[in-house]
Amino acid sequence: MAELNDSYDSLKRALFWSHWTDGVLGVDDCRSSSDHLGKRPHHPCGRAPIVFVFISVVYFTTLNYTTPLITAFIFVAIVVLMDFFIVSLLINKNFDMFRSPIGTWIPFALIFISTYLTGTLVTQ
């Protein structure tokens, strides 16, 4: 039963951090890059990995319930699900954002890599 409570606490914390990350990244940055190409100097490719390095450091120094690989998959899954259900379905009302590699797929990969590498370095 204790493991179930720990998993539930981890999920709550991950959801909190993913909501915080959405606030940092901003809703406009989640749209496809063609919507604002050249209008905004900052892009989620630059900020998402940095934010997730900080999230990962906090997670691995305080909780550390899972391995870096599993944690990276969980963090990316939460971001993908939130992008799909909240940003695509509710905000944009289309799936155009998933056509943009630099606006969607590269940030997903960078979040995974930054989480995995941070977890690997912190847990050594």
PDB file of N, CA and C in Angstrom:
ATOM      1  N   MET A   1       0.819  -1.197   0.000  1.00  0.00           N
ATOM      2  CA  MET A   1       0.000   0.000   0.000  1.00  0.00           C
ATOM      3  C   MET A   1       0.865   1.265   0.000  1.00  0.00           C
ATOM      4  N   ALA A   2       2.024   1.179   0.654  1.00  0.00           N
ATOM      5  CA  ALA A   2       2.908   2.340   0.705  1.00  0.00           C
ATOM      6  C   ALA A   2       3.425   2.684  -0.687  1.00  0.00           C
ATOM      7  N   GLU A   3       3.691   1.643  -1.516  1.00  0.00           N
ATOM      8  CA  GLU A   3       4.160   1.895  -2.869  1.00  0.00           C
ATOM      9  C   GLU A   3       3.098   2.603  -3.695  1.00  0.00           C
ATOM     10  N   LEU A   4       1.835   2.245  -3.488  1.00  0.00           N
ATOM     11  CA  LEU A   4       0.735   2.890  -4.203  1.00  0.00           C
ATOM     12  C   LEU A   4       0.636   4.361  -3.815  1.00  0.00           C
ATOM     13  N   ASN A   5       0.781   4.665  -2.532  1.00  0.00           N
ATOM     14  CA  ASN A   5       0.757   6.054  -2.090  1.00  0.00           C
ATOM     15  C   ASN A   5       1.940   6.833  -2.646  1.00  0.00           C
ATOM     16  N   ASP A   6       3.128   6.194  -2.686  1.00  0.00           N
ATOM     17  CA  ASP A   6       4.294   6.854  -3.255  1.00  0.00           C
ATOM     18  C   ASP A   6       4.096   7.135  -4.735  1.00  0.00           C
ATOM     19  N   SER A   7       3.513   6.186  -5.461  1.00  0.00           N
ATOM     20  CA  SER A   7       3.248   6.386  -6.890  1.00  0.00           C
ATOM     21  C   SER A   7       2.237   7.497  -7.098  1.00  0.00           C
ATOM     22  N   TYR A   8       1.213   7.527  -6.266  1.00  0.00           N
ATOM     23  CA  TYR A   8       0.203   8.575  -6.364  1.00  0.00           C
ATOM     24  C   TYR A   8       0.817   9.944  -6.074  1.00  0.00           C
ATOM     25  N   ASP A   9       1.669  10.031  -5.072  1.00  0.00           N
ATOM     26  CA  ASP A   9       2.357  11.286  -4.764  1.00  0.00           C
ATOM     27  C   ASP A   9       3.244  11.715  -5.925  1.00  0.00           C
ATOM     28  N   SER A  10       3.936  10.758  -6.542  1.00  0.00           N
ATOM     29  CA  SER A  10       4.780  11.078  -7.694  1.00  0.00           C
ATOM     30  C   SER A  10       3.950  11.622  -8.837  1.00  0.00           C
ATOM     31  N   LEU A  11       2.802  11.014  -9.089  1.00  0.00           N
ATOM     32  CA  LEU A  11       1.925  11.480 -10.157  1.00  0.00           C
ATOM     33  C   LEU A  11       1.417  12.892  -9.870  1.00  0.00           C
ATOM     34  N   LYS A  12       1.024  13.157  -8.630  1.00  0.00           N
ATOM     35  CA  LYS A  12       0.563  14.499  -8.276  1.00  0.00           C
ATOM     36  C   LYS A  12       1.667  15.527  -8.487  1.00  0.00           C
ATOM     37  N   ARG A  13       2.863  15.201  -8.080  1.00  0.00           N
ATOM     38  CA  ARG A  13       3.982  16.136  -8.253  1.00  0.00           C
ATOM     39  C   ARG A  13       4.310  16.347  -9.725  1.00  0.00           C
ATOM     40  N   ALA A  14       4.266  15.266 -10.503  1.00  0.00           N
ATOM     41  CA  ALA A  14       4.538  15.394 -11.938  1.00  0.00           C
ATOM     42  C   ALA A  14       3.492  16.259 -12.613  1.00  0.00           C
ATOM     43  N   LEU A  15       2.238  16.098 -12.239  1.00  0.00           N
ATOM     44  CA  LEU A  15       1.188  16.940 -12.817  1.00  0.00           C
ATOM     45  C   LEU A  15       1.356  18.396 -12.404  1.00  0.00           C
ATOM     46  N   PHE A  16       1.727  18.635 -11.150  1.00  0.00           N
ATOM     47  CA  PHE A  16       1.986  20.004 -10.710  1.00  0.00           C
ATOM     48  C   PHE A  16       3.088  20.630 -11.543  1.00  0.00           C
ATOM     49  N   TRP A  17       4.204  19.915 -11.712  1.00  0.00           N
ATOM     50  CA  TRP A  17       5.332  20.454 -12.460  1.00  0.00           C
ATOM     51  C   TRP A  17       4.993  20.638 -13.928  1.00  0.00           C
ATOM     52  N   SER A  18       4.181  19.745 -14.495  1.00  0.00           N
ATOM     53  CA  SER A  18       3.828  19.911 -15.907  1.00  0.00           C
ATOM     54  C   SER A  18       2.922  21.127 -16.088  1.00  0.00           C
ATOM     55  N   HIS A  19       2.020  21.392 -15.136  1.00  0.00           N
ATOM     56  CA  HIS A  19       1.210  22.615 -15.207  1.00  0.00           C
ATOM     57  C   HIS A  19       2.092  23.846 -15.053  1.00  0.00           C
ATOM     58  N   TRP A  20       3.048  23.799 -14.150  1.00  0.00           N
ATOM     59  CA  TRP A  20       3.971  24.907 -13.958  1.00  0.00           C
ATOM     60  C   TRP A  20       4.770  25.142 -15.231  1.00  0.00           C
ATOM     61  N   THR A  21       5.207  24.051 -15.874  1.00  0.00           N
ATOM     62  CA  THR A  21       5.972  24.161 -17.106  1.00  0.00           C
ATOM     63  C   THR A  21       5.141  24.799 -18.203  1.00  0.00           C
ATOM     64  N   ASP A  22       3.868  24.427 -18.317  1.00  0.00           N
ATOM     65  CA  ASP A  22       3.006  25.049 -19.319  1.00  0.00           C
ATOM     66  C   ASP A  22       2.912  26.551 -19.091  1.00  0.00           C
ATOM     67  N   GLY A  23       2.872  26.964 -17.835  1.00  0.00           N
ATOM     68  CA  GLY A  23       2.844  28.394 -17.553  1.00  0.00           C
ATOM     69  C   GLY A  23       4.131  29.082 -17.953  1.00  0.00           C
ATOM     70  N   VAL A  24       5.258  28.404 -17.772  1.00  0.00           N
ATOM     71  CA  VAL A  24       6.540  28.980 -18.153  1.00  0.00           C
ATOM     72  C   VAL A  24       6.690  29.024 -19.666  1.00  0.00           C
ATOM     73  N   LEU A  25       6.298  27.932 -20.329  1.00  0.00           N
ATOM     74  CA  LEU A  25       6.451  27.870 -21.776  1.00  0.00           C
ATOM     75  C   LEU A  25       5.445  28.761 -22.490  1.00  0.00           C
ATOM     76  N   GLY A  26       4.275  28.890 -21.945  1.00  0.00           N
ATOM     77  CA  GLY A  26       3.247  29.715 -22.560  1.00  0.00           C
ATOM     78  C   GLY A  26       2.452  28.939 -23.589  1.00  0.00           C
ATOM     79  N   VAL A  27       1.177  29.270 -23.691  1.00  0.00           N
ATOM     80  CA  VAL A  27       0.291  28.572 -24.612  1.00  0.00           C
ATOM     81  C   VAL A  27       0.665  28.863 -26.055  1.00  0.00           C
ATOM     82  N   ASP A  28       1.083  30.094 -26.383  1.00  0.00           N
ATOM     83  CA  ASP A  28       1.426  30.430 -27.757  1.00  0.00           C
ATOM     84  C   ASP A  28       2.563  29.583 -28.285  1.00  0.00           C
ATOM     85  N   ASP A  29       3.494  29.203 -27.424  1.00  0.00           N
ATOM     86  CA  ASP A  29       4.630  28.416 -27.875  1.00  0.00           C
ATOM     87  C   ASP A  29       4.250  26.989 -28.218  1.00  0.00           C
ATOM     88  N   CYS A  30       3.068  26.542 -27.793  1.00  0.00           N
ATOM     89  CA  CYS A  30       2.659  25.178 -28.070  1.00  0.00           C
ATOM     90  C   CYS A  30       2.014  25.050 -29.440  1.00  0.00           C
ATOM     91  N   ARG A  31       1.743  26.143 -30.090  1.00  0.00           N
ATOM     92  CA  ARG A  31       1.177  26.077 -31.431  1.00  0.00           C
ATOM     93  C   ARG A  31       2.263  25.759 -32.429  1.00  0.00           C
ATOM     94  N   SER A  32       1.864  25.373 -33.610  1.00  0.00           N
ATOM     95  CA  SER A  32       2.869  24.995 -34.608  1.00  0.00           C
ATOM     96  C   SER A  32       3.759  26.186 -34.926  1.00  0.00           C
ATOM     97  N   SER A  33       4.979  25.895 -35.322  1.00  0.00           N
ATOM     98  CA  SER A  33       5.949  26.960 -35.534  1.00  0.00           C
ATOM     99  C   SER A  33       5.547  27.883 -36.681  1.00  0.00           C
ATOM    100  N   SER A  34       4.697  27.412 -37.585  1.00  0.00           N
ATOM    101  CA  SER A  34       4.269  28.267 -38.692  1.00  0.00           C
ATOM    102  C   SER A  34       3.329  29.378 -38.225  1.00  0.00           C
ATOM    103  N   ASP A  35       2.689  29.189 -37.056  1.00  0.00           N
ATOM    104  CA  ASP A  35       1.779  30.209 -36.538  1.00  0.00           C
ATOM    105  C   ASP A  35       2.507  31.466 -36.094  1.00  0.00           C
ATOM    106  N   HIS A  36       3.712  31.314 -35.591  1.00  0.00           N
ATOM    107  CA  HIS A  36       4.415  32.473 -35.037  1.00  0.00           C
ATOM    108  C   HIS A  36       5.873  32.516 -35.465  1.00  0.00           C
ATOM    109  N   LEU A  37       6.190  31.923 -36.605  1.00  0.00           N
ATOM    110  CA  LEU A  37       7.565  31.904 -37.067  1.00  0.00           C
ATOM    111  C   LEU A  37       8.061  33.326 -37.279  1.00  0.00           C
ATOM    112  N   GLY A  38       9.108  33.678 -36.618  1.00  0.00           N
ATOM    113  CA  GLY A  38       9.686  35.003 -36.755  1.00  0.00           C
ATOM    114  C   GLY A  38       9.076  36.047 -35.832  1.00  0.00           C
ATOM    115  N   LYS A  39       7.989  35.726 -35.162  1.00  0.00           N
ATOM    116  CA  LYS A  39       7.332  36.703 -34.288  1.00  0.00           C
ATOM    117  C   LYS A  39       7.879  36.664 -32.869  1.00  0.00           C
ATOM    118  N   ARG A  40       8.299  35.481 -32.423  1.00  0.00           N
ATOM    119  CA  ARG A  40       8.753  35.329 -31.044  1.00  0.00           C
ATOM    120  C   ARG A  40      10.175  34.783 -31.048  1.00  0.00           C
ATOM    121  N   PRO A  41      11.069  35.410 -30.312  1.00  0.00           N
ATOM    122  CA  PRO A  41      12.454  34.956 -30.332  1.00  0.00           C
ATOM    123  C   PRO A  41      12.699  33.670 -29.557  1.00  0.00           C
ATOM    124  N   HIS A  42      11.804  33.326 -28.628  1.00  0.00           N
ATOM    125  CA  HIS A  42      12.015  32.154 -27.783  1.00  0.00           C
ATOM    126  C   HIS A  42      11.085  31.040 -28.219  1.00  0.00           C
ATOM    127  N   HIS A  43      11.572  29.832 -28.130  1.00  0.00           N
ATOM    128  CA  HIS A  43      10.812  28.692 -28.588  1.00  0.00           C
ATOM    129  C   HIS A  43      10.908  27.592 -27.550  1.00  0.00           C
ATOM    130  N   PRO A  44       9.919  26.680 -27.482  1.00  0.00           N
ATOM    131  CA  PRO A  44       9.980  25.629 -26.468  1.00  0.00           C
ATOM    132  C   PRO A  44      11.206  24.734 -26.592  1.00  0.00           C
ATOM    133  N   CYS A  45      11.827  24.679 -27.769  1.00  0.00           N
ATOM    134  CA  CYS A  45      13.043  23.868 -27.909  1.00  0.00           C
ATOM    135  C   CYS A  45      14.143  24.377 -26.991  1.00  0.00           C
ATOM    136  N   GLY A  46      14.169  25.665 -26.722  1.00  0.00           N
ATOM    137  CA  GLY A  46      15.196  26.227 -25.874  1.00  0.00           C
ATOM    138  C   GLY A  46      14.850  26.199 -24.403  1.00  0.00           C
ATOM    139  N   ARG A  47      13.574  26.360 -24.079  1.00  0.00           N
ATOM    140  CA  ARG A  47      13.186  26.464 -22.673  1.00  0.00           C
ATOM    141  C   ARG A  47      12.772  25.143 -22.049  1.00  0.00           C
ATOM    142  N   ALA A  48      12.129  24.273 -22.787  1.00  0.00           N
ATOM    143  CA  ALA A  48      11.624  23.022 -22.214  1.00  0.00           C
ATOM    144  C   ALA A  48      12.727  22.175 -21.578  1.00  0.00           C
ATOM    145  N   PRO A  49      13.838  21.947 -22.246  1.00  0.00           N
ATOM    146  CA  PRO A  49      14.875  21.131 -21.600  1.00  0.00           C
ATOM    147  C   PRO A  49      15.432  21.769 -20.334  1.00  0.00           C
ATOM    148  N   ILE A  50      15.572  23.081 -20.336  1.00  0.00           N
ATOM    149  CA  ILE A  50      16.097  23.782 -19.153  1.00  0.00           C
ATOM    150  C   ILE A  50      15.134  23.634 -17.984  1.00  0.00           C
ATOM    151  N   VAL A  51      13.861  23.814 -18.242  1.00  0.00           N
ATOM    152  CA  VAL A  51      12.850  23.666 -17.188  1.00  0.00           C
ATOM    153  C   VAL A  51      12.852  22.236 -16.661  1.00  0.00           C
ATOM    154  N   PHE A  52      12.944  21.258 -17.557  1.00  0.00           N
ATOM    155  CA  PHE A  52      12.913  19.871 -17.116  1.00  0.00           C
ATOM    156  C   PHE A  52      14.201  19.431 -16.438  1.00  0.00           C
ATOM    157  N   VAL A  53      15.299  20.103 -16.679  1.00  0.00           N
ATOM    158  CA  VAL A  53      16.510  19.833 -15.895  1.00  0.00           C
ATOM    159  C   VAL A  53      16.251  20.203 -14.440  1.00  0.00           C
ATOM    160  N   PHE A  54      15.659  21.373 -14.212  1.00  0.00           N
ATOM    161  CA  PHE A  54      15.347  21.786 -12.839  1.00  0.00           C
ATOM    162  C   PHE A  54      14.326  20.859 -12.198  1.00  0.00           C
ATOM    163  N   ILE A  55      13.286  20.498 -12.934  1.00  0.00           N
ATOM    164  CA  ILE A  55      12.283  19.571 -12.410  1.00  0.00           C
ATOM    165  C   ILE A  55      12.931  18.242 -12.054  1.00  0.00           C
ATOM    166  N   SER A  56      13.802  17.759 -12.920  1.00  0.00           N
ATOM    167  CA  SER A  56      14.464  16.471 -12.690  1.00  0.00           C
ATOM    168  C   SER A  56      15.392  16.522 -11.484  1.00  0.00           C
ATOM    169  N   VAL A  57      16.117  17.616 -11.334  1.00  0.00           N
ATOM    170  CA  VAL A  57      16.996  17.745 -10.164  1.00  0.00           C
ATOM    171  C   VAL A  57      16.176  17.686  -8.891  1.00  0.00           C
ATOM    172  N   VAL A  58      15.066  18.410  -8.851  1.00  0.00           N
ATOM    173  CA  VAL A  58      14.199  18.380  -7.671  1.00  0.00           C
ATOM    174  C   VAL A  58      13.658  16.972  -7.455  1.00  0.00           C
ATOM    175  N   TYR A  59      13.185  16.346  -8.525  1.00  0.00           N
ATOM    176  CA  TYR A  59      12.620  14.998  -8.397  1.00  0.00           C
ATOM    177  C   TYR A  59      13.664  13.992  -7.898  1.00  0.00           C
ATOM    178  N   PHE A  60      14.823  13.984  -8.525  1.00  0.00           N
ATOM    179  CA  PHE A  60      15.814  12.968  -8.184  1.00  0.00           C
ATOM    180  C   PHE A  60      16.507  13.223  -6.851  1.00  0.00           C
ATOM    181  N   THR A  61      16.519  14.451  -6.375  1.00  0.00           N
ATOM    182  CA  THR A  61      17.133  14.709  -5.067  1.00  0.00           C
ATOM    183  C   THR A  61      16.146  14.515  -3.920  1.00  0.00           C
ATOM    184  N   THR A  62      14.856  14.669  -4.193  1.00  0.00           N
ATOM    185  CA  THR A  62      13.883  14.532  -3.109  1.00  0.00           C
ATOM    186  C   THR A  62      13.118  13.215  -3.142  1.00  0.00           C
ATOM    187  N   LEU A  63      12.682  12.769  -4.303  1.00  0.00           N
ATOM    188  CA  LEU A  63      11.836  11.573  -4.386  1.00  0.00           C
ATOM    189  C   LEU A  63      12.608  10.353  -4.885  1.00  0.00           C
ATOM    190  N   ASN A  64      13.038  10.397  -6.126  1.00  0.00           N
ATOM    191  CA  ASN A  64      13.838   9.338  -6.733  1.00  0.00           C
ATOM    192  C   ASN A  64      13.196   7.962  -6.599  1.00  0.00           C
ATOM    193  N   TYR A  65      11.917   7.840  -6.973  1.00  0.00           N
ATOM    194  CA  TYR A  65      11.207   6.570  -6.892  1.00  0.00           C
ATOM    195  C   TYR A  65      11.484   5.666  -8.090  1.00  0.00           C
ATOM    196  N   THR A  66      11.829   6.259  -9.228  1.00  0.00           N
ATOM    197  CA  THR A  66      12.026   5.462 -10.435  1.00  0.00           C
ATOM    198  C   THR A  66      13.407   5.727 -11.024  1.00  0.00           C
ATOM    199  N   THR A  67      13.782   4.885 -11.972  1.00  0.00           N
ATOM    200  CA  THR A  67      15.068   5.054 -12.637  1.00  0.00           C
ATOM    201  C   THR A  67      15.001   6.255 -13.577  1.00  0.00           C
ATOM    202  N   PRO A  68      16.132   6.788 -13.992  1.00  0.00           N
ATOM    203  CA  PRO A  68      16.114   7.920 -14.919  1.00  0.00           C
ATOM    204  C   PRO A  68      15.382   7.612 -16.232  1.00  0.00           C
ATOM    205  N   LEU A  69      15.518   6.396 -16.735  1.00  0.00           N
ATOM    206  CA  LEU A  69      14.849   6.037 -17.993  1.00  0.00           C
ATOM    207  C   LEU A  69      13.331   6.040 -17.832  1.00  0.00           C
ATOM    208  N   ILE A  70      12.844   5.421 -16.785  1.00  0.00           N
ATOM    209  CA  ILE A  70      11.393   5.378 -16.538  1.00  0.00           C
ATOM    210  C   ILE A  70      10.871   6.778 -16.272  1.00  0.00           C
ATOM    211  N   THR A  71      11.596   7.574 -15.507  1.00  0.00           N
ATOM    212  CA  THR A  71      11.181   8.943 -15.213  1.00  0.00           C
ATOM    213  C   THR A  71      11.111   9.769 -16.485  1.00  0.00           C
ATOM    214  N   ALA A  72      12.081   9.616 -17.366  1.00  0.00           N
ATOM    215  CA  ALA A  72      12.064  10.359 -18.636  1.00  0.00           C
ATOM    216  C   ALA A  72      10.835   9.982 -19.455  1.00  0.00           C
ATOM    217  N   PHE A  73      10.515   8.680 -19.512  1.00  0.00           N
ATOM    218  CA  PHE A  73       9.306   8.255 -20.227  1.00  0.00           C
ATOM    219  C   PHE A  73       8.046   8.834 -19.593  1.00  0.00           C
ATOM    220  N   ILE A  74       7.970   8.842 -18.275  1.00  0.00           N
ATOM    221  CA  ILE A  74       6.792   9.366 -17.584  1.00  0.00           C
ATOM    222  C   ILE A  74       6.645  10.864 -17.831  1.00  0.00           C
ATOM    223  N   PHE A  75       7.736  11.622 -17.696  1.00  0.00           N
ATOM    224  CA  PHE A  75       7.667  13.068 -17.917  1.00  0.00           C
ATOM    225  C   PHE A  75       7.239  13.399 -19.338  1.00  0.00           C
ATOM    226  N   VAL A  76       7.819  12.700 -20.319  1.00  0.00           N
ATOM    227  CA  VAL A  76       7.453  12.961 -21.719  1.00  0.00           C
ATOM    228  C   VAL A  76       6.003  12.543 -21.970  1.00  0.00           C
ATOM    229  N   ALA A  77       5.586  11.429 -21.398  1.00  0.00           N
ATOM    230  CA  ALA A  77       4.196  10.979 -21.583  1.00  0.00           C
ATOM    231  C   ALA A  77       3.210  12.004 -21.043  1.00  0.00           C
ATOM    232  N   ILE A  78       3.513  12.583 -19.908  1.00  0.00           N
ATOM    233  CA  ILE A  78       2.627  13.603 -19.332  1.00  0.00           C
ATOM    234  C   ILE A  78       2.564  14.816 -20.254  1.00  0.00           C
ATOM    235  N   VAL A  79       3.698  15.250 -20.764  1.00  0.00           N
ATOM    236  CA  VAL A  79       3.723  16.410 -21.660  1.00  0.00           C
ATOM    237  C   VAL A  79       2.965  16.105 -22.958  1.00  0.00           C
ATOM    238  N   VAL A  80       3.180  14.919 -23.519  1.00  0.00           N
ATOM    239  CA  VAL A  80       2.494  14.538 -24.758  1.00  0.00           C
ATOM    240  C   VAL A  80       0.989  14.488 -24.537  1.00  0.00           C
ATOM    241  N   LEU A  81       0.564  13.866 -23.453  1.00  0.00           N
ATOM    242  CA  LEU A  81      -0.874  13.784 -23.171  1.00  0.00           C
ATOM    243  C   LEU A  81      -1.493  15.160 -22.953  1.00  0.00           C
ATOM    244  N   MET A  82      -0.784  16.034 -22.244  1.00  0.00           N
ATOM    245  CA  MET A  82      -1.310  17.385 -22.037  1.00  0.00           C
ATOM    246  C   MET A  82      -1.358  18.159 -23.354  1.00  0.00           C
ATOM    247  N   ASP A  83      -0.332  18.010 -24.190  1.00  0.00           N
ATOM    248  CA  ASP A  83      -0.357  18.660 -25.498  1.00  0.00           C
ATOM    249  C   ASP A  83      -1.513  18.150 -26.343  1.00  0.00           C
ATOM    250  N   PHE A  84      -1.732  16.839 -26.308  1.00  0.00           N
ATOM    251  CA  PHE A  84      -2.794  16.257 -27.113  1.00  0.00           C
ATOM    252  C   PHE A  84      -4.178  16.706 -26.634  1.00  0.00           C
ATOM    253  N   PHE A  85      -4.460  16.504 -25.347  1.00  0.00           N
ATOM    254  CA  PHE A  85      -5.807  16.754 -24.855  1.00  0.00           C
ATOM    255  C   PHE A  85      -6.086  18.229 -24.582  1.00  0.00           C
ATOM    256  N   ILE A  86      -5.160  18.915 -23.949  1.00  0.00           N
ATOM    257  CA  ILE A  86      -5.425  20.299 -23.555  1.00  0.00           C
ATOM    258  C   ILE A  86      -5.120  21.272 -24.683  1.00  0.00           C
ATOM    259  N   VAL A  87      -3.912  21.223 -25.214  1.00  0.00           N
ATOM    260  CA  VAL A  87      -3.522  22.212 -26.220  1.00  0.00           C
ATOM    261  C   VAL A  87      -4.202  21.941 -27.555  1.00  0.00           C
ATOM    262  N   SER A  88      -4.110  20.695 -28.050  1.00  0.00           N
ATOM    263  CA  SER A  88      -4.673  20.401 -29.374  1.00  0.00           C
ATOM    264  C   SER A  88      -6.194  20.415 -29.379  1.00  0.00           C
ATOM    265  N   LEU A  89      -6.791  19.673 -28.465  1.00  0.00           N
ATOM    266  CA  LEU A  89      -8.245  19.545 -28.487  1.00  0.00           C
ATOM    267  C   LEU A  89      -8.976  20.759 -27.928  1.00  0.00           C
ATOM    268  N   LEU A  90      -8.522  21.281 -26.800  1.00  0.00           N
ATOM    269  CA  LEU A  90      -9.260  22.365 -26.150  1.00  0.00           C
ATOM    270  C   LEU A  90      -8.861  23.752 -26.625  1.00  0.00           C
ATOM    271  N   ILE A  91      -7.577  24.005 -26.780  1.00  0.00           N
ATOM    272  CA  ILE A  91      -7.130  25.364 -27.114  1.00  0.00           C
ATOM    273  C   ILE A  91      -7.085  25.581 -28.617  1.00  0.00           C
ATOM    274  N   ASN A  92      -6.323  24.756 -29.337  1.00  0.00           N
ATOM    275  CA  ASN A  92      -6.177  24.962 -30.781  1.00  0.00           C
ATOM    276  C   ASN A  92      -7.336  24.406 -31.583  1.00  0.00           C
ATOM    277  N   LYS A  93      -7.997  23.381 -31.051  1.00  0.00           N
ATOM    278  CA  LYS A  93      -9.103  22.695 -31.729  1.00  0.00           C
ATOM    279  C   LYS A  93      -8.674  22.080 -33.061  1.00  0.00           C
ATOM    280  N   ASN A  94      -7.405  21.718 -33.165  1.00  0.00           N
ATOM    281  CA  ASN A  94      -6.874  20.982 -34.311  1.00  0.00           C
ATOM    282  C   ASN A  94      -5.555  20.347 -33.897  1.00  0.00           C
ATOM    283  N   PHE A  95      -5.022  19.535 -34.804  1.00  0.00           N
ATOM    284  CA  PHE A  95      -3.790  18.813 -34.495  1.00  0.00           C
ATOM    285  C   PHE A  95      -2.618  19.318 -35.317  1.00  0.00           C
ATOM    286  N   ASP A  96      -2.686  20.557 -35.779  1.00  0.00           N
ATOM    287  CA  ASP A  96      -1.619  21.120 -36.604  1.00  0.00           C
ATOM    288  C   ASP A  96      -0.282  21.186 -35.886  1.00  0.00           C
ATOM    289  N   MET A  97      -0.311  21.329 -34.575  1.00  0.00           N
ATOM    290  CA  MET A  97       0.938  21.449 -33.827  1.00  0.00           C
ATOM    291  C   MET A  97       1.809  20.208 -33.963  1.00  0.00           C
ATOM    292  N   PHE A  98       1.201  19.051 -34.215  1.00  0.00           N
ATOM    293  CA  PHE A  98       1.969  17.818 -34.333  1.00  0.00           C
ATOM    294  C   PHE A  98       2.629  17.671 -35.702  1.00  0.00           C
ATOM    295  N   ARG A  99       2.343  18.587 -36.614  1.00  0.00           N
ATOM    296  CA  ARG A  99       3.005  18.588 -37.919  1.00  0.00           C
ATOM    297  C   ARG A  99       4.365  19.283 -37.870  1.00  0.00           C
ATOM    298  N   SER A 100       4.606  20.018 -36.820  1.00  0.00           N
ATOM    299  CA  SER A 100       5.828  20.804 -36.714  1.00  0.00           C
ATOM    300  C   SER A 100       6.880  20.055 -35.897  1.00  0.00           C
ATOM    301  N   PRO A 101       7.950  19.598 -36.540  1.00  0.00           N
ATOM    302  CA  PRO A 101       8.991  18.916 -35.766  1.00  0.00           C
ATOM    303  C   PRO A 101       9.648  19.830 -34.737  1.00  0.00           C
ATOM    304  N   ILE A 102       9.926  21.063 -35.109  1.00  0.00           N
ATOM    305  CA  ILE A 102      10.610  21.965 -34.184  1.00  0.00           C
ATOM    306  C   ILE A 102       9.668  22.484 -33.099  1.00  0.00           C
ATOM    307  N   GLY A 103       8.379  22.473 -33.354  1.00  0.00           N
ATOM    308  CA  GLY A 103       7.427  22.967 -32.371  1.00  0.00           C
ATOM    309  C   GLY A 103       6.918  21.911 -31.415  1.00  0.00           C
ATOM    310  N   THR A 104       7.052  20.632 -31.795  1.00  0.00           N
ATOM    311  CA  THR A 104       6.486  19.577 -30.967  1.00  0.00           C
ATOM    312  C   THR A 104       7.449  18.423 -30.738  1.00  0.00           C
ATOM    313  N   TRP A 105       7.901  17.797 -31.793  1.00  0.00           N
ATOM    314  CA  TRP A 105       8.655  16.545 -31.663  1.00  0.00           C
ATOM    315  C   TRP A 105      10.060  16.756 -31.108  1.00  0.00           C
ATOM    316  N   ILE A 106      10.723  17.784 -31.532  1.00  0.00           N
ATOM    317  CA  ILE A 106      12.070  18.043 -30.994  1.00  0.00           C
ATOM    318  C   ILE A 106      12.009  18.416 -29.507  1.00  0.00           C
ATOM    319  N   PRO A 107      11.067  19.268 -29.075  1.00  0.00           N
ATOM    320  CA  PRO A 107      10.962  19.503 -27.628  1.00  0.00           C
ATOM    321  C   PRO A 107      10.666  18.234 -26.825  1.00  0.00           C
ATOM    322  N   PHE A 108       9.833  17.329 -27.372  1.00  0.00           N
ATOM    323  CA  PHE A 108       9.582  16.061 -26.675  1.00  0.00           C
ATOM    324  C   PHE A 108      10.886  15.290 -26.508  1.00  0.00           C
ATOM    325  N   ALA A 109      11.672  15.210 -27.572  1.00  0.00           N
ATOM    326  CA  ALA A 109      12.946  14.488 -27.505  1.00  0.00           C
ATOM    327  C   ALA A 109      13.913  15.164 -26.539  1.00  0.00           C
ATOM    328  N   LEU A 110      13.955  16.504 -26.562  1.00  0.00           N
ATOM    329  CA  LEU A 110      14.859  17.227 -25.662  1.00  0.00           C
ATOM    330  C   LEU A 110      14.437  17.086 -24.202  1.00  0.00           C
ATOM    331  N   ILE A 111      13.140  17.036 -23.944  1.00  0.00           N
ATOM    332  CA  ILE A 111      12.651  16.806 -22.578  1.00  0.00           C
ATOM    333  C   ILE A 111      13.088  15.428 -22.107  1.00  0.00           C
ATOM    334  N   PHE A 112      12.942  14.435 -22.984  1.00  0.00           N
ATOM    335  CA  PHE A 112      13.355  13.080 -22.632  1.00  0.00           C
ATOM    336  C   PHE A 112      14.852  13.031 -22.332  1.00  0.00           C
ATOM    337  N   ILE A 113      15.647  13.588 -23.227  1.00  0.00           N
ATOM    338  CA  ILE A 113      17.108  13.543 -23.079  1.00  0.00           C
ATOM    339  C   ILE A 113      17.561  14.300 -21.837  1.00  0.00           C
ATOM    340  N   SER A 114      16.997  15.497 -21.622  1.00  0.00           N
ATOM    341  CA  SER A 114      17.427  16.282 -20.454  1.00  0.00           C
ATOM    342  C   SER A 114      17.024  15.608 -19.149  1.00  0.00           C
ATOM    343  N   THR A 115      15.844  14.995 -19.112  1.00  0.00           N
ATOM    344  CA  THR A 115      15.413  14.287 -17.906  1.00  0.00           C
ATOM    345  C   THR A 115      16.292  13.070 -17.651  1.00  0.00           C
ATOM    346  N   TYR A 116      16.544  12.311 -18.700  1.00  0.00           N
ATOM    347  CA  TYR A 116      17.362  11.102 -18.545  1.00  0.00           C
ATOM    348  C   TYR A 116      18.784  11.431 -18.110  1.00  0.00           C
ATOM    349  N   LEU A 117      19.407  12.390 -18.783  1.00  0.00           N
ATOM    350  CA  LEU A 117      20.790  12.745 -18.435  1.00  0.00           C
ATOM    351  C   LEU A 117      20.884  13.335 -17.037  1.00  0.00           C
ATOM    352  N   THR A 118      19.943  14.199 -16.681  1.00  0.00           N
ATOM    353  CA  THR A 118      19.951  14.777 -15.337  1.00  0.00           C
ATOM    354  C   THR A 118      19.780  13.692 -14.284  1.00  0.00           C
ATOM    355  N   GLY A 119      18.840  12.774 -14.524  1.00  0.00           N
ATOM    356  CA  GLY A 119      18.643  11.673 -13.574  1.00  0.00           C
ATOM    357  C   GLY A 119      19.872  10.799 -13.450  1.00  0.00           C
ATOM    358  N   THR A 120      20.522  10.549 -14.566  1.00  0.00           N
ATOM    359  CA  THR A 120      21.734   9.742 -14.540  1.00  0.00           C
ATOM    360  C   THR A 120      22.846  10.424 -13.755  1.00  0.00           C
ATOM    361  N   LEU A 121      22.997  11.725 -13.948  1.00  0.00           N
ATOM    362  CA  LEU A 121      24.053  12.455 -13.246  1.00  0.00           C
ATOM    363  C   LEU A 121      23.737  12.629 -11.763  1.00  0.00           C
ATOM    364  N   VAL A 122      22.494  12.891 -11.429  1.00  0.00           N
ATOM    365  CA  VAL A 122      22.128  13.147 -10.030  1.00  0.00           C
ATOM    366  C   VAL A 122      22.182  11.863  -9.209  1.00  0.00           C
ATOM    367  N   THR A 123      21.806  10.735  -9.793  1.00  0.00           N
ATOM    368  CA  THR A 123      21.739   9.492  -9.025  1.00  0.00           C
ATOM    369  C   THR A 123      23.066   8.749  -8.936  1.00  0.00           C
ATOM    370  N   GLN A 124      24.102   9.234  -9.585  1.00  0.00           N
ATOM    371  CA  GLN A 124      25.409   8.560  -9.508  1.00  0.00           C
ATOM    372  C   GLN A 124      26.055   8.756  -8.162  1.00  0.00           C
TER     373      GLN A 124
END
